[in-house]
Amino acid sequence: MSRTKEQKSTGFLIAEKFFGIIILIIGSLTIYYMSISLNDIANNVGPKIASFVQLFMGCVGVGLIALGIFLIFVRAS
């Protein structure tokens, strides 16, 4: 039995929303754990590297959150 196009797009829509939520959670956890462990990084390797790590991981986290929000709100064609 072949599935209709509507059934396939419904499955893709559910998968897209699910992965959007997962990516949103991963981005939020990235920012959270980066902010928690920043003092440990500064004590171990120095404040200059800690500020670079904070900037880099903050951008990665914000990018993941933006991608997750995009996947949640975009309409599958």
PDB file of N, CA and C in Angstrom:
ATOM      1  N   MET A   1       0.833  -1.182   0.000  1.00  0.00           N
ATOM      2  CA  MET A   1       0.000   0.000   0.000  1.00  0.00           C
ATOM      3  C   MET A   1       0.878   1.244   0.000  1.00  0.00           C
ATOM      4  N   SER A   2       0.535   2.163  -0.821  1.00  0.00           N
ATOM      5  CA  SER A   2       1.295   3.405  -0.851  1.00  0.00           C
ATOM      6  C   SER A   2       0.571   4.466  -0.021  1.00  0.00           C
ATOM      7  N   ARG A   3       1.370   5.270   0.573  1.00  0.00           N
ATOM      8  CA  ARG A   3       0.786   6.334   1.396  1.00  0.00           C
ATOM      9  C   ARG A   3       0.521   7.556   0.538  1.00  0.00           C
ATOM     10  N   THR A   4      -0.467   8.304   0.921  1.00  0.00           N
ATOM     11  CA  THR A   4      -0.763   9.526   0.189  1.00  0.00           C
ATOM     12  C   THR A   4       0.222  10.605   0.607  1.00  0.00           C
ATOM     13  N   LYS A   5       0.241  11.653  -0.171  1.00  0.00           N
ATOM     14  CA  LYS A   5       1.158  12.754   0.098  1.00  0.00           C
ATOM     15  C   LYS A   5       0.833  13.437   1.428  1.00  0.00           C
ATOM     16  N   GLU A   6      -0.437  13.485   1.789  1.00  0.00           N
ATOM     17  CA  GLU A   6      -0.835  14.119   3.049  1.00  0.00           C
ATOM     18  C   GLU A   6      -0.307  13.337   4.248  1.00  0.00           C
ATOM     19  N   GLN A   7      -0.320  12.016   4.166  1.00  0.00           N
ATOM     20  CA  GLN A   7       0.191  11.207   5.270  1.00  0.00           C
ATOM     21  C   GLN A   7       1.706  11.377   5.409  1.00  0.00           C
ATOM     22  N   LYS A   8       2.418  11.448   4.282  1.00  0.00           N
ATOM     23  CA  LYS A   8       3.864  11.647   4.339  1.00  0.00           C
ATOM     24  C   LYS A   8       4.199  13.014   4.925  1.00  0.00           C
ATOM     25  N   SER A   9       3.489  14.043   4.487  1.00  0.00           N
ATOM     26  CA  SER A   9       3.792  15.379   4.991  1.00  0.00           C
ATOM     27  C   SER A   9       3.432  15.517   6.469  1.00  0.00           C
ATOM     28  N   THR A  10       2.442  14.776   6.937  1.00  0.00           N
ATOM     29  CA  THR A  10       2.105  14.805   8.359  1.00  0.00           C
ATOM     30  C   THR A  10       3.236  14.204   9.184  1.00  0.00           C
ATOM     31  N   GLY A  11       3.806  13.111   8.695  1.00  0.00           N
ATOM     32  CA  GLY A  11       4.941  12.496   9.391  1.00  0.00           C
ATOM     33  C   GLY A  11       6.151  13.415   9.409  1.00  0.00           C
ATOM     34  N   PHE A  12       6.422  14.071   8.283  1.00  0.00           N
ATOM     35  CA  PHE A  12       7.545  15.007   8.233  1.00  0.00           C
ATOM     36  C   PHE A  12       7.312  16.198   9.149  1.00  0.00           C
ATOM     37  N   LEU A  13       6.069  16.654   9.213  1.00  0.00           N
ATOM     38  CA  LEU A  13       5.731  17.791  10.066  1.00  0.00           C
ATOM     39  C   LEU A  13       5.955  17.455  11.538  1.00  0.00           C
ATOM     40  N   ILE A  14       5.513  16.269  11.944  1.00  0.00           N
ATOM     41  CA  ILE A  14       5.706  15.855  13.339  1.00  0.00           C
ATOM     42  C   ILE A  14       7.188  15.696  13.654  1.00  0.00           C
ATOM     43  N   ALA A  15       7.947  15.088  12.738  1.00  0.00           N
ATOM     44  CA  ALA A  15       9.386  14.909  12.946  1.00  0.00           C
ATOM     45  C   ALA A  15      10.105  16.249  13.009  1.00  0.00           C
ATOM     46  N   GLU A  16       9.703  17.185  12.167  1.00  0.00           N
ATOM     47  CA  GLU A  16      10.333  18.497  12.149  1.00  0.00           C
ATOM     48  C   GLU A  16      10.093  19.250  13.462  1.00  0.00           C
ATOM     49  N   LYS A  17       8.871  19.205  13.954  1.00  0.00           N
ATOM     50  CA  LYS A  17       8.558  19.871  15.224  1.00  0.00           C
ATOM     51  C   LYS A  17       9.295  19.201  16.385  1.00  0.00           C
ATOM     52  N   PHE A  18       9.368  17.871  16.355  1.00  0.00           N
ATOM     53  CA  PHE A  18      10.055  17.134  17.410  1.00  0.00           C
ATOM     54  C   PHE A  18      11.544  17.489  17.437  1.00  0.00           C
ATOM     55  N   PHE A  19      12.210  17.480  16.289  1.00  0.00           N
ATOM     56  CA  PHE A  19      13.623  17.823  16.250  1.00  0.00           C
ATOM     57  C   PHE A  19      13.849  19.294  16.580  1.00  0.00           C
ATOM     58  N   GLY A  20      12.900  20.155  16.246  1.00  0.00           N
ATOM     59  CA  GLY A  20      13.001  21.558  16.635  1.00  0.00           C
ATOM     60  C   GLY A  20      12.988  21.721  18.150  1.00  0.00           C
ATOM     61  N   ILE A  21      12.128  20.972  18.825  1.00  0.00           N
ATOM     62  CA  ILE A  21      12.073  21.023  20.291  1.00  0.00           C
ATOM     63  C   ILE A  21      13.364  20.470  20.889  1.00  0.00           C
ATOM     64  N   ILE A  22      13.878  19.367  20.321  1.00  0.00           N
ATOM     65  CA  ILE A  22      15.127  18.784  20.821  1.00  0.00           C
ATOM     66  C   ILE A  22      16.286  19.766  20.660  1.00  0.00           C
ATOM     67  N   ILE A  23      16.396  20.407  19.499  1.00  0.00           N
ATOM     68  CA  ILE A  23      17.479  21.367  19.266  1.00  0.00           C
ATOM     69  C   ILE A  23      17.326  22.580  20.174  1.00  0.00           C
ATOM     70  N   LEU A  24      16.110  23.014  20.412  1.00  0.00           N
ATOM     71  CA  LEU A  24      15.868  24.134  21.329  1.00  0.00           C
ATOM     72  C   LEU A  24      16.331  23.782  22.742  1.00  0.00           C
ATOM     73  N   ILE A  25      16.051  22.581  23.196  1.00  0.00           N
ATOM     74  CA  ILE A  25      16.483  22.139  24.528  1.00  0.00           C
ATOM     75  C   ILE A  25      18.004  22.053  24.595  1.00  0.00           C
ATOM     76  N   ILE A  26      18.636  21.514  23.554  1.00  0.00           N
ATOM     77  CA  ILE A  26      20.101  21.409  23.540  1.00  0.00           C
ATOM     78  C   ILE A  26      20.743  22.787  23.567  1.00  0.00           C
ATOM     79  N   GLY A  27      20.208  23.736  22.815  1.00  0.00           N
ATOM     80  CA  GLY A  27      20.737  25.107  22.834  1.00  0.00           C
ATOM     81  C   GLY A  27      20.583  25.766  24.196  1.00  0.00           C
ATOM     82  N   SER A  28      19.447  25.550  24.840  1.00  0.00           N
ATOM     83  CA  SER A  28      19.228  26.117  26.172  1.00  0.00           C
ATOM     84  C   SER A  28      20.187  25.505  27.196  1.00  0.00           C
ATOM     85  N   LEU A  29      20.377  24.192  27.112  1.00  0.00           N
ATOM     86  CA  LEU A  29      21.312  23.526  28.027  1.00  0.00           C
ATOM     87  C   LEU A  29      22.752  23.955  27.776  1.00  0.00           C
ATOM     88  N   THR A  30      23.097  24.218  26.521  1.00  0.00           N
ATOM     89  CA  THR A  30      24.442  24.702  26.201  1.00  0.00           C
ATOM     90  C   THR A  30      24.714  26.034  26.878  1.00  0.00           C
ATOM     91  N   ILE A  31      23.782  26.951  26.780  1.00  0.00           N
ATOM     92  CA  ILE A  31      23.963  28.262  27.424  1.00  0.00           C
ATOM     93  C   ILE A  31      23.970  28.119  28.943  1.00  0.00           C
ATOM     94  N   TYR A  32      23.096  27.277  29.471  1.00  0.00           N
ATOM     95  CA  TYR A  32      23.031  27.098  30.923  1.00  0.00           C
ATOM     96  C   TYR A  32      24.344  26.529  31.480  1.00  0.00           C
ATOM     97  N   TYR A  33      24.829  25.446  30.896  1.00  0.00           N
ATOM     98  CA  TYR A  33      26.052  24.833  31.410  1.00  0.00           C
ATOM     99  C   TYR A  33      27.276  25.685  31.140  1.00  0.00           C
ATOM    100  N   MET A  34      27.261  26.479  30.073  1.00  0.00           N
ATOM    101  CA  MET A  34      28.360  27.401  29.818  1.00  0.00           C
ATOM    102  C   MET A  34      28.419  28.473  30.901  1.00  0.00           C
ATOM    103  N   SER A  35      27.279  28.988  31.297  1.00  0.00           N
ATOM    104  CA  SER A  35      27.282  30.025  32.325  1.00  0.00           C
ATOM    105  C   SER A  35      27.637  29.459  33.702  1.00  0.00           C
ATOM    106  N   ILE A  36      27.270  28.214  33.964  1.00  0.00           N
ATOM    107  CA  ILE A  36      27.579  27.588  35.256  1.00  0.00           C
ATOM    108  C   ILE A  36      29.081  27.294  35.371  1.00  0.00           C
ATOM    109  N   SER A  37      29.687  26.786  34.295  1.00  0.00           N
ATOM    110  CA  SER A  37      31.079  26.348  34.362  1.00  0.00           C
ATOM    111  C   SER A  37      32.071  27.441  34.000  1.00  0.00           C
ATOM    112  N   LEU A  38      31.635  28.665  33.820  1.00  0.00           N
ATOM    113  CA  LEU A  38      32.534  29.735  33.412  1.00  0.00           C
ATOM    114  C   LEU A  38      33.591  30.029  34.464  1.00  0.00           C
ATOM    115  N   ASN A  39      33.245  29.982  35.731  1.00  0.00           N
ATOM    116  CA  ASN A  39      34.232  30.242  36.787  1.00  0.00           C
ATOM    117  C   ASN A  39      35.301  29.163  36.817  1.00  0.00           C
ATOM    118  N   ASP A  40      34.934  27.914  36.594  1.00  0.00           N
ATOM    119  CA  ASP A  40      35.917  26.837  36.549  1.00  0.00           C
ATOM    120  C   ASP A  40      36.871  27.007  35.380  1.00  0.00           C
ATOM    121  N   ILE A  41      36.353  27.428  34.242  1.00  0.00           N
ATOM    122  CA  ILE A  41      37.205  27.651  33.074  1.00  0.00           C
ATOM    123  C   ILE A  41      38.166  28.800  33.340  1.00  0.00           C
ATOM    124  N   ALA A  42      37.690  29.872  33.953  1.00  0.00           N
ATOM    125  CA  ALA A  42      38.542  31.031  34.238  1.00  0.00           C
ATOM    126  C   ALA A  42      39.635  30.674  35.231  1.00  0.00           C
ATOM    127  N   ASN A  43      39.332  29.837  36.208  1.00  0.00           N
ATOM    128  CA  ASN A  43      40.340  29.452  37.193  1.00  0.00           C
ATOM    129  C   ASN A  43      41.383  28.509  36.603  1.00  0.00           C
ATOM    130  N   ASN A  44      40.982  27.645  35.675  1.00  0.00           N
ATOM    131  CA  ASN A  44      41.894  26.642  35.143  1.00  0.00           C
ATOM    132  C   ASN A  44      42.765  27.158  34.008  1.00  0.00           C
ATOM    133  N   VAL A  45      42.231  27.940  33.091  1.00  0.00           N
ATOM    134  CA  VAL A  45      42.999  28.324  31.905  1.00  0.00           C
ATOM    135  C   VAL A  45      43.224  29.823  31.763  1.00  0.00           C
ATOM    136  N   GLY A  46      42.546  30.622  32.500  1.00  0.00           N
ATOM    137  CA  GLY A  46      42.748  32.058  32.433  1.00  0.00           C
ATOM    138  C   GLY A  46      41.520  32.793  31.940  1.00  0.00           C
ATOM    139  N   PRO A  47      41.450  34.080  32.273  1.00  0.00           N
ATOM    140  CA  PRO A  47      40.248  34.853  31.941  1.00  0.00           C
ATOM    141  C   PRO A  47      40.101  35.158  30.446  1.00  0.00           C
ATOM    142  N   LYS A  48      41.228  35.278  29.706  1.00  0.00           N
ATOM    143  CA  LYS A  48      41.105  35.590  28.279  1.00  0.00           C
ATOM    144  C   LYS A  48      40.489  34.425  27.511  1.00  0.00           C
ATOM    145  N   ILE A  49      40.959  33.241  27.807  1.00  0.00           N
ATOM    146  CA  ILE A  49      40.392  32.070  27.135  1.00  0.00           C
ATOM    147  C   ILE A  49      38.957  31.844  27.601  1.00  0.00           C
ATOM    148  N   ALA A  50      38.686  32.122  28.864  1.00  0.00           N
ATOM    149  CA  ALA A  50      37.320  31.956  29.383  1.00  0.00           C
ATOM    150  C   ALA A  50      36.352  32.895  28.670  1.00  0.00           C
ATOM    151  N   SER A  51      36.784  34.116  28.386  1.00  0.00           N
ATOM    152  CA  SER A  51      35.893  35.040  27.679  1.00  0.00           C
ATOM    153  C   SER A  51      35.669  34.584  26.239  1.00  0.00           C
ATOM    154  N   PHE A  52      36.719  34.017  25.600  1.00  0.00           N
ATOM    155  CA  PHE A  52      36.538  33.474  24.257  1.00  0.00           C
ATOM    156  C   PHE A  52      35.572  32.294  24.265  1.00  0.00           C
ATOM    157  N   VAL A  53      35.732  31.398  25.237  1.00  0.00           N
ATOM    158  CA  VAL A  53      34.839  30.239  25.342  1.00  0.00           C
ATOM    159  C   VAL A  53      33.415  30.699  25.600  1.00  0.00           C
ATOM    160  N   GLN A  54      33.251  31.712  26.438  1.00  0.00           N
ATOM    161  CA  GLN A  54      31.915  32.232  26.716  1.00  0.00           C
ATOM    162  C   GLN A  54      31.283  32.807  25.455  1.00  0.00           C
ATOM    163  N   LEU A  55      32.038  33.568  24.690  1.00  0.00           N
ATOM    164  CA  LEU A  55      31.512  34.151  23.460  1.00  0.00           C
ATOM    165  C   LEU A  55      31.178  33.061  22.441  1.00  0.00           C
ATOM    166  N   PHE A  56      32.086  32.115  22.252  1.00  0.00           N
ATOM    167  CA  PHE A  56      31.881  31.055  21.266  1.00  0.00           C
ATOM    168  C   PHE A  56      30.686  30.173  21.629  1.00  0.00           C
ATOM    169  N   MET A  57      30.643  29.693  22.863  1.00  0.00           N
ATOM    170  CA  MET A  57      29.553  28.813  23.268  1.00  0.00           C
ATOM    171  C   MET A  57      28.226  29.570  23.365  1.00  0.00           C
ATOM    172  N   GLY A  58      28.284  30.848  23.701  1.00  0.00           N
ATOM    173  CA  GLY A  58      27.060  31.657  23.700  1.00  0.00           C
ATOM    174  C   GLY A  58      26.485  31.780  22.299  1.00  0.00           C
ATOM    175  N   CYS A  59      27.355  32.002  21.311  1.00  0.00           N
ATOM    176  CA  CYS A  59      26.891  32.080  19.918  1.00  0.00           C
ATOM    177  C   CYS A  59      26.357  30.737  19.433  1.00  0.00           C
ATOM    178  N   VAL A  60      27.029  29.649  19.807  1.00  0.00           N
ATOM    179  CA  VAL A  60      26.544  28.321  19.430  1.00  0.00           C
ATOM    180  C   VAL A  60      25.172  28.061  20.053  1.00  0.00           C
ATOM    181  N   GLY A  61      25.020  28.395  21.327  1.00  0.00           N
ATOM    182  CA  GLY A  61      23.745  28.196  22.012  1.00  0.00           C
ATOM    183  C   GLY A  61      22.623  29.026  21.405  1.00  0.00           C
ATOM    184  N   VAL A  62      22.906  30.280  21.112  1.00  0.00           N
ATOM    185  CA  VAL A  62      21.889  31.145  20.507  1.00  0.00           C
ATOM    186  C   VAL A  62      21.539  30.650  19.104  1.00  0.00           C
ATOM    187  N   GLY A  63      22.549  30.181  18.370  1.00  0.00           N
ATOM    188  CA  GLY A  63      22.285  29.626  17.044  1.00  0.00           C
ATOM    189  C   GLY A  63      21.397  28.395  17.105  1.00  0.00           C
ATOM    190  N   LEU A  64      21.661  27.513  18.064  1.00  0.00           N
ATOM    191  CA  LEU A  64      20.823  26.323  18.218  1.00  0.00           C
ATOM    192  C   LEU A  64      19.407  26.678  18.626  1.00  0.00           C
ATOM    193  N   ILE A  65      19.274  27.652  19.515  1.00  0.00           N
ATOM    194  CA  ILE A  65      17.937  28.090  19.929  1.00  0.00           C
ATOM    195  C   ILE A  65      17.188  28.689  18.740  1.00  0.00           C
ATOM    196  N   ALA A  66      17.875  29.506  17.933  1.00  0.00           N
ATOM    197  CA  ALA A  66      17.234  30.101  16.762  1.00  0.00           C
ATOM    198  C   ALA A  66      16.829  29.024  15.758  1.00  0.00           C
ATOM    199  N   LEU A  67      17.693  28.029  15.553  1.00  0.00           N
ATOM    200  CA  LEU A  67      17.361  26.941  14.637  1.00  0.00           C
ATOM    201  C   LEU A  67      16.168  26.136  15.152  1.00  0.00           C
ATOM    202  N   GLY A  68      16.118  25.892  16.456  1.00  0.00           N
ATOM    203  CA  GLY A  68      14.995  25.174  17.037  1.00  0.00           C
ATOM    204  C   GLY A  68      13.693  25.930  16.884  1.00  0.00           C
ATOM    205  N   ILE A  69      13.718  27.224  17.132  1.00  0.00           N
ATOM    206  CA  ILE A  69      12.517  28.036  16.978  1.00  0.00           C
ATOM    207  C   ILE A  69      12.077  28.064  15.512  1.00  0.00           C
ATOM    208  N   PHE A  70      13.056  28.165  14.609  1.00  0.00           N
ATOM    209  CA  PHE A  70      12.738  28.153  13.183  1.00  0.00           C
ATOM    210  C   PHE A  70      12.070  26.837  12.788  1.00  0.00           C
ATOM    211  N   LEU A  71      12.604  25.724  13.257  1.00  0.00           N
ATOM    212  CA  LEU A  71      12.021  24.430  12.907  1.00  0.00           C
ATOM    213  C   LEU A  71      10.630  24.233  13.503  1.00  0.00           C
ATOM    214  N   ILE A  72      10.402  24.827  14.654  1.00  0.00           N
ATOM    215  CA  ILE A  72       9.078  24.698  15.270  1.00  0.00           C
ATOM    216  C   ILE A  72       8.032  25.511  14.528  1.00  0.00           C
ATOM    217  N   PHE A  73       8.388  26.717  14.092  1.00  0.00           N
ATOM    218  CA  PHE A  73       7.388  27.610  13.517  1.00  0.00           C
ATOM    219  C   PHE A  73       7.296  27.585  11.999  1.00  0.00           C
ATOM    220  N   VAL A  74       8.257  26.966  11.319  1.00  0.00           N
ATOM    221  CA  VAL A  74       8.208  26.939   9.851  1.00  0.00           C
ATOM    222  C   VAL A  74       7.169  25.903   9.410  1.00  0.00           C
ATOM    223  N   ARG A  75       6.584  26.140   8.283  1.00  0.00           N
ATOM    224  CA  ARG A  75       5.558  25.242   7.766  1.00  0.00           C
ATOM    225  C   ARG A  75       6.182  24.322   6.726  1.00  0.00           C
ATOM    226  N   ALA A  76       6.026  23.026   6.905  1.00  0.00           N
ATOM    227  CA  ALA A  76       6.574  22.053   5.962  1.00  0.00           C
ATOM    228  C   ALA A  76       5.777  22.067   4.668  1.00  0.00           C
ATOM    229  N   SER A  77       6.494  21.980   3.562  1.00  0.00           N
ATOM    230  CA  SER A  77       5.800  22.001   2.280  1.00  0.00           C
ATOM    231  C   SER A  77       5.692  20.602   1.693  1.00  0.00           C
TER     232      SER A  77
END
